[in-house]
Structure formats: C-alpha cells, structure tokens
Amino acid sequence: QAPRNLIAIQSGLNDVRALWDQPASNQPFLIYANNNDKAIGFGGGTFSFEAAVRFRQEELAIYKADKYQITDISFLPLTRQNSWTITFYEADTMTPLYSQFIDGTSLQYGIENTITLSEALEIPEGKDIIFGILADVTNYGGYDIMGVIFNQSEPGYTDLLRQKDAEFFSLYESAHESEVGAYEYNISWAMGIHLSNASSAALNDIQEYRVYANGNQVATT
C-alpha cells in the first residue's frame, strides 16, 4: 500500500518538507472500509456476536495465481471483551477453513490490531470466503465493541452479522424491515486480511521511501 496522509510544507523559497504516515501494510491488504475515515462502535449489549466480511473468488484468484496465502488479519476492537475468535469459511457451504482463539487480555483496545495466523491459510480454488470475528462478551459486553466505518456498505459483503450458530445476514438488508431504516446500518466492518508469499518482505518491514517529482526520483529516506 502507498504511504498515507501525505502533506507538503513549504521550506524556503524553492523547497518543501514532505510528511506522511507509514502504509497500513507493505503487503497486499484486502479491506472494504476506508481506514482514513473515522470509525464508530457497534455492540449488542450482553449478546455475543460474530461480525464478518465476504471476499469474492475473482479477486482472490489474482493472488492465488502468485502463490499468496492469508497470513495476518486486522480488526478494530474498541472495548475489552472476554475473548475473540477468528474464523474463515468457504462462503457457499459455510465449511470452516481455519479458526484461531484470541484471549481478551492480549489485545490493545481502541486501535487497529494485526494478528498473525498460527498457520498460513491457502486461498481456496474458485470459492468466495467469509472472514469472521466472534466477540465473546461474557462478563463484559456493551454497545461499543467493534469498529465499523459508516456509509460504506456493500450489502452482503461488508456488513455480515450473526449470533452464535445462526446464519449470517446483511445488516443493511435486514434493517429495511426496522423502524429506523437501513440508513442506520450502512456500514463496513473495519477488518481485513493480509496476504504474503515466499518473496514477500516481513510484515510492515519498510526498507526505504522514495520521493518522486514529475516522474523523477528526487529523494530517499
């Protein structure tokens, strides 16, 4: 990914000082939410829930062809909960492909967390996948549990939700039946997947930045 939040400040008559934030990841990172937008909180009170996003086989196939695997995930836990569980499913059959437990004490709350999978997950052939995170809110709970980005919904892909053992549903689509309307649930979960292959550098290991002007390299860091 490219560096973020680039700004230039004039320095003297003919120079500028460039400032930026590091990329969210130096690896391919699939996410629907725009990380530059402010996240808001979602929660179900005392009810545990699983939030999920769905990725299309057409996009995944591009990376599978270059031998990429899913090696890390990122999401935005906002308040302390009992535990979290990462699960990947084959979308059509809901067959679990991978699962990993996260103790609630191991996360940093209120900021994006990146978790390395214990084992890299091979991208399935010709299948959509669903990436879910189950929030076990036992003894905790609240209405500010996981981060979402408002007004970025792609129903059925960015906004999946379910309670334990129920079927996933789209928040946007289901909200058409509610009194407040679907607009209130036009969201994308702030969660995504990192991909790497044998030739990839270490996650977030930035070797250098190169600065270009009019197509010519003018500086490095």
Protein backbone atom coordinates (compact mmCIF):
# COMPACT_ATOMS: atom_id res chain seq x y z
CA GLN A 1 0.00 0.00 0.00
CA ALA A 2 1.04 3.59 -0.50
CA PRO A 3 2.07 5.91 2.35
CA ARG A 4 -0.92 7.70 3.89
CA ASN A 5 -1.83 11.26 4.82
CA LEU A 6 0.84 12.92 2.69
CA ILE A 7 1.30 16.66 3.28
CA ALA A 8 3.88 19.14 1.99
CA ILE A 9 5.04 22.22 3.89
CA GLN A 10 6.93 24.99 2.12
CA SER A 11 10.54 25.30 3.29
CA GLY A 12 12.36 28.36 1.99
CA LEU A 13 11.66 29.70 -1.49
CA ASN A 14 12.01 26.58 -3.62
CA ASP A 15 11.79 23.57 -1.33
CA VAL A 16 9.11 21.62 0.52
CA ARG A 17 9.21 19.38 3.54
CA ALA A 18 7.15 16.21 2.97
CA LEU A 19 5.46 14.38 5.84
CA TRP A 20 3.46 11.15 5.76
CA ASP A 21 2.25 8.17 7.76
CA GLN A 22 3.54 4.69 7.01
CA PRO A 23 1.34 2.37 4.92
CA ALA A 24 -1.26 0.34 6.74
CA SER A 25 0.67 -2.64 5.38
CA ASN A 26 3.53 -3.29 2.96
CA GLN A 27 1.72 -6.45 1.83
CA PRO A 28 -1.50 -6.82 -0.17
CA PHE A 29 -4.27 -5.91 2.27
CA LEU A 30 -7.89 -6.64 1.36
CA ILE A 31 -10.35 -4.47 3.24
CA TYR A 32 -13.63 -2.78 2.31
CA ALA A 33 -13.51 0.00 4.89
CA ASN A 34 -11.52 3.15 4.25
CA ASN A 35 -9.07 3.30 7.13
CA ASN A 36 -8.72 7.06 6.77
CA ASP A 37 -12.35 7.52 7.82
CA LYS A 38 -13.37 7.74 11.46
CA ALA A 39 -14.67 4.50 12.92
CA ILE A 40 -17.71 4.26 15.16
CA GLY A 41 -18.60 1.50 17.60
CA PHE A 42 -21.00 -1.42 17.28
CA GLY A 43 -22.16 -3.78 20.01
CA GLY A 44 -25.03 -5.98 21.06
CA GLY A 45 -25.20 -5.30 24.76
CA THR A 46 -24.84 -8.61 26.60
CA PHE A 47 -25.17 -10.68 23.41
CA SER A 48 -22.07 -12.23 21.85
CA PHE A 49 -21.93 -11.87 18.06
CA GLU A 50 -19.82 -12.67 15.02
CA ALA A 51 -19.01 -9.91 12.53
CA ALA A 52 -17.84 -10.87 9.06
CA VAL A 53 -16.91 -9.73 5.57
CA ARG A 54 -17.04 -11.71 2.34
CA PHE A 55 -14.33 -11.66 -0.34
CA ARG A 56 -15.02 -12.61 -3.96
CA GLN A 57 -13.27 -15.52 -5.63
CA GLU A 58 -12.41 -13.35 -8.66
CA GLU A 59 -10.26 -11.03 -6.55
CA LEU A 60 -8.73 -13.84 -4.50
CA ALA A 61 -7.78 -15.76 -7.65
CA ILE A 62 -5.39 -12.97 -8.69
CA TYR A 63 -3.37 -13.50 -5.53
CA LYS A 64 -3.67 -17.30 -5.54
CA ALA A 65 -2.08 -17.33 -9.00
CA ASP A 66 1.02 -15.69 -7.48
CA LYS A 67 1.04 -18.15 -4.57
CA TYR A 68 -0.14 -15.69 -1.96
CA GLN A 69 -1.60 -17.00 1.29
CA ILE A 70 -3.55 -15.33 4.08
CA THR A 71 -1.03 -14.78 6.86
CA ASP A 72 -2.43 -12.00 9.08
CA ILE A 73 -5.68 -10.24 9.85
CA SER A 74 -6.51 -6.77 11.16
CA PHE A 75 -9.56 -5.50 13.01
CA LEU A 76 -10.62 -2.77 15.43
CA PRO A 77 -11.61 -3.98 18.90
CA LEU A 78 -12.86 -0.99 20.86
CA THR A 79 -13.57 -2.26 24.37
CA ARG A 80 -12.27 -5.13 26.49
CA GLN A 81 -14.17 -8.39 25.98
CA ASN A 82 -13.77 -11.93 27.27
CA SER A 83 -12.31 -13.36 24.04
CA TRP A 84 -12.31 -13.20 20.25
CA THR A 85 -12.21 -15.98 17.66
CA ILE A 86 -11.01 -15.59 14.08
CA THR A 87 -12.70 -17.97 11.61
CA PHE A 88 -12.52 -18.31 7.83
CA TYR A 89 -15.34 -20.11 5.99
CA GLU A 90 -15.99 -21.30 2.47
CA ALA A 91 -18.86 -18.96 1.72
CA ASP A 92 -21.29 -21.23 -0.12
CA THR A 93 -21.18 -24.15 2.31
CA MET A 94 -20.04 -22.31 5.48
CA THR A 95 -17.40 -25.00 5.91
CA PRO A 96 -14.78 -23.71 8.38
CA LEU A 97 -11.35 -23.39 6.78
CA TYR A 98 -9.42 -22.03 9.76
CA SER A 99 -10.06 -20.91 13.33
CA GLN A 100 -7.91 -19.16 15.95
CA PHE A 101 -8.76 -18.14 19.52
CA ILE A 102 -7.62 -14.78 20.95
CA ASP A 103 -7.72 -14.16 24.69
CA GLY A 104 -9.29 -10.83 25.55
CA THR A 105 -6.26 -9.74 27.57
CA SER A 106 -3.90 -9.95 24.58
CA LEU A 107 -5.31 -7.07 22.51
CA GLN A 108 -4.85 -3.31 22.51
CA TYR A 109 -8.28 -1.74 22.61
CA GLY A 110 -9.30 1.37 20.74
CA ILE A 111 -6.75 0.92 17.95
CA GLU A 112 -6.35 -1.41 14.98
CA ASN A 113 -4.80 -4.76 15.93
CA THR A 114 -2.93 -7.00 13.48
CA ILE A 115 -2.87 -10.70 14.37
CA THR A 116 -0.56 -13.22 12.71
CA LEU A 117 -2.25 -16.53 11.98
CA SER A 118 -0.66 -19.55 13.64
CA GLU A 119 -0.64 -21.20 10.23
CA ALA A 120 -0.89 -19.50 6.86
CA LEU A 121 -4.21 -20.18 5.13
CA GLU A 122 -4.16 -21.24 1.49
CA ILE A 123 -6.68 -19.40 -0.67
CA PRO A 124 -9.31 -21.92 -1.83
CA GLU A 125 -9.78 -22.56 -5.52
CA GLY A 126 -12.80 -20.89 -7.11
CA LYS A 127 -14.58 -20.03 -3.86
CA ASP A 128 -15.69 -16.88 -2.06
CA ILE A 129 -14.50 -16.81 1.53
CA ILE A 130 -16.05 -15.26 4.64
CA PHE A 131 -13.75 -13.86 7.31
CA GLY A 132 -15.46 -13.65 10.68
CA ILE A 133 -14.54 -12.47 14.17
CA LEU A 134 -16.63 -13.75 17.07
CA ALA A 135 -16.77 -11.43 20.08
CA ASP A 136 -17.45 -13.40 23.27
CA VAL A 137 -18.77 -10.68 25.60
CA THR A 138 -19.28 -12.86 28.68
CA ASN A 139 -18.96 -10.64 31.80
CA TYR A 140 -18.32 -7.62 29.57
CA GLY A 141 -20.49 -6.52 26.63
CA GLY A 142 -21.68 -3.04 25.70
CA TYR A 143 -22.55 -1.11 22.57
CA ASP A 144 -19.05 -0.02 21.58
CA ILE A 145 -17.37 -3.38 20.97
CA MET A 146 -16.09 -3.43 17.37
CA GLY A 147 -15.23 -0.68 14.93
CA VAL A 148 -17.24 -0.01 11.77
CA ILE A 149 -16.97 2.63 9.07
CA PHE A 150 -20.26 4.37 8.34
CA ASN A 151 -21.77 4.92 4.89
CA GLN A 152 -19.59 2.37 3.06
CA SER A 153 -21.85 -0.66 2.83
CA GLU A 154 -21.80 -3.24 0.09
CA PRO A 155 -24.68 -5.34 1.41
CA GLY A 156 -23.83 -9.00 1.91
CA TYR A 157 -20.09 -8.36 1.67
CA THR A 158 -19.08 -5.63 4.12
CA ASP A 159 -21.75 -5.94 6.81
CA LEU A 160 -22.39 -9.57 7.78
CA LEU A 161 -23.51 -10.40 11.30
CA ARG A 162 -24.87 -13.33 13.27
CA GLN A 163 -25.35 -14.60 16.76
CA LYS A 164 -23.88 -17.99 17.69
CA ASP A 165 -24.88 -20.82 15.32
CA ALA A 166 -27.35 -18.64 13.41
CA GLU A 167 -26.98 -17.72 9.74
CA PHE A 168 -25.10 -14.62 8.66
CA PHE A 169 -27.24 -11.75 7.44
CA SER A 170 -26.59 -8.31 5.97
CA LEU A 171 -27.17 -5.51 8.47
CA TYR A 172 -28.18 -3.14 5.68
CA GLU A 173 -30.65 -5.54 4.08
CA SER A 174 -32.22 -6.63 7.35
CA ALA A 175 -32.57 -3.04 8.54
CA HIS A 176 -35.06 -2.31 5.74
CA GLU A 177 -37.57 -4.02 7.99
CA SER A 178 -36.74 -1.89 11.04
CA GLU A 179 -38.33 1.38 12.10
CA VAL A 180 -35.06 3.34 11.87
CA GLY A 181 -34.42 2.14 8.31
CA ALA A 182 -31.38 0.76 6.51
CA TYR A 183 -29.54 4.08 6.55
CA GLU A 184 -28.67 3.46 10.19
CA TYR A 185 -26.78 0.28 9.25
CA ASN A 186 -24.99 1.40 6.08
CA ILE A 187 -21.64 0.17 7.40
CA SER A 188 -18.48 -1.75 6.66
CA TRP A 189 -16.65 -3.65 9.38
CA ALA A 190 -13.15 -2.28 9.95
CA MET A 191 -11.49 -5.65 9.36
CA GLY A 192 -9.32 -7.08 6.60
CA ILE A 193 -6.80 -9.74 5.57
CA HIS A 194 -3.09 -9.52 4.79
CA LEU A 195 -1.56 -11.71 2.09
CA SER A 196 2.05 -12.71 1.52
CA ASN A 197 4.08 -15.19 -0.50
CA ALA A 198 7.60 -16.60 -0.39
CA SER A 199 9.10 -13.47 -1.94
CA SER A 200 7.37 -11.06 0.46
CA ALA A 201 9.26 -8.95 2.95
CA ALA A 202 8.36 -9.15 6.62
CA LEU A 203 5.05 -7.53 7.51
CA ASN A 204 5.50 -3.77 7.97
CA ASP A 205 9.26 -4.02 7.38
CA ILE A 206 9.72 -0.82 5.37
CA GLN A 207 13.14 -0.75 3.70
CA GLU A 208 13.00 2.83 2.39
CA TYR A 209 10.75 5.54 0.99
CA ARG A 210 11.40 7.07 -2.42
CA VAL A 211 10.17 10.53 -3.33
CA TYR A 212 9.39 11.42 -6.95
CA ALA A 213 8.67 14.72 -8.67
CA ASN A 214 7.45 14.84 -12.27
CA GLY A 215 8.35 11.18 -12.70
CA ASN A 216 11.94 11.57 -11.44
CA GLN A 217 13.27 10.28 -8.13
CA VAL A 218 14.41 13.26 -6.07
CA ALA A 219 14.93 11.85 -2.58
CA THR A 220 15.05 8.74 -0.40
CA THR A 221 14.86 8.15 3.33
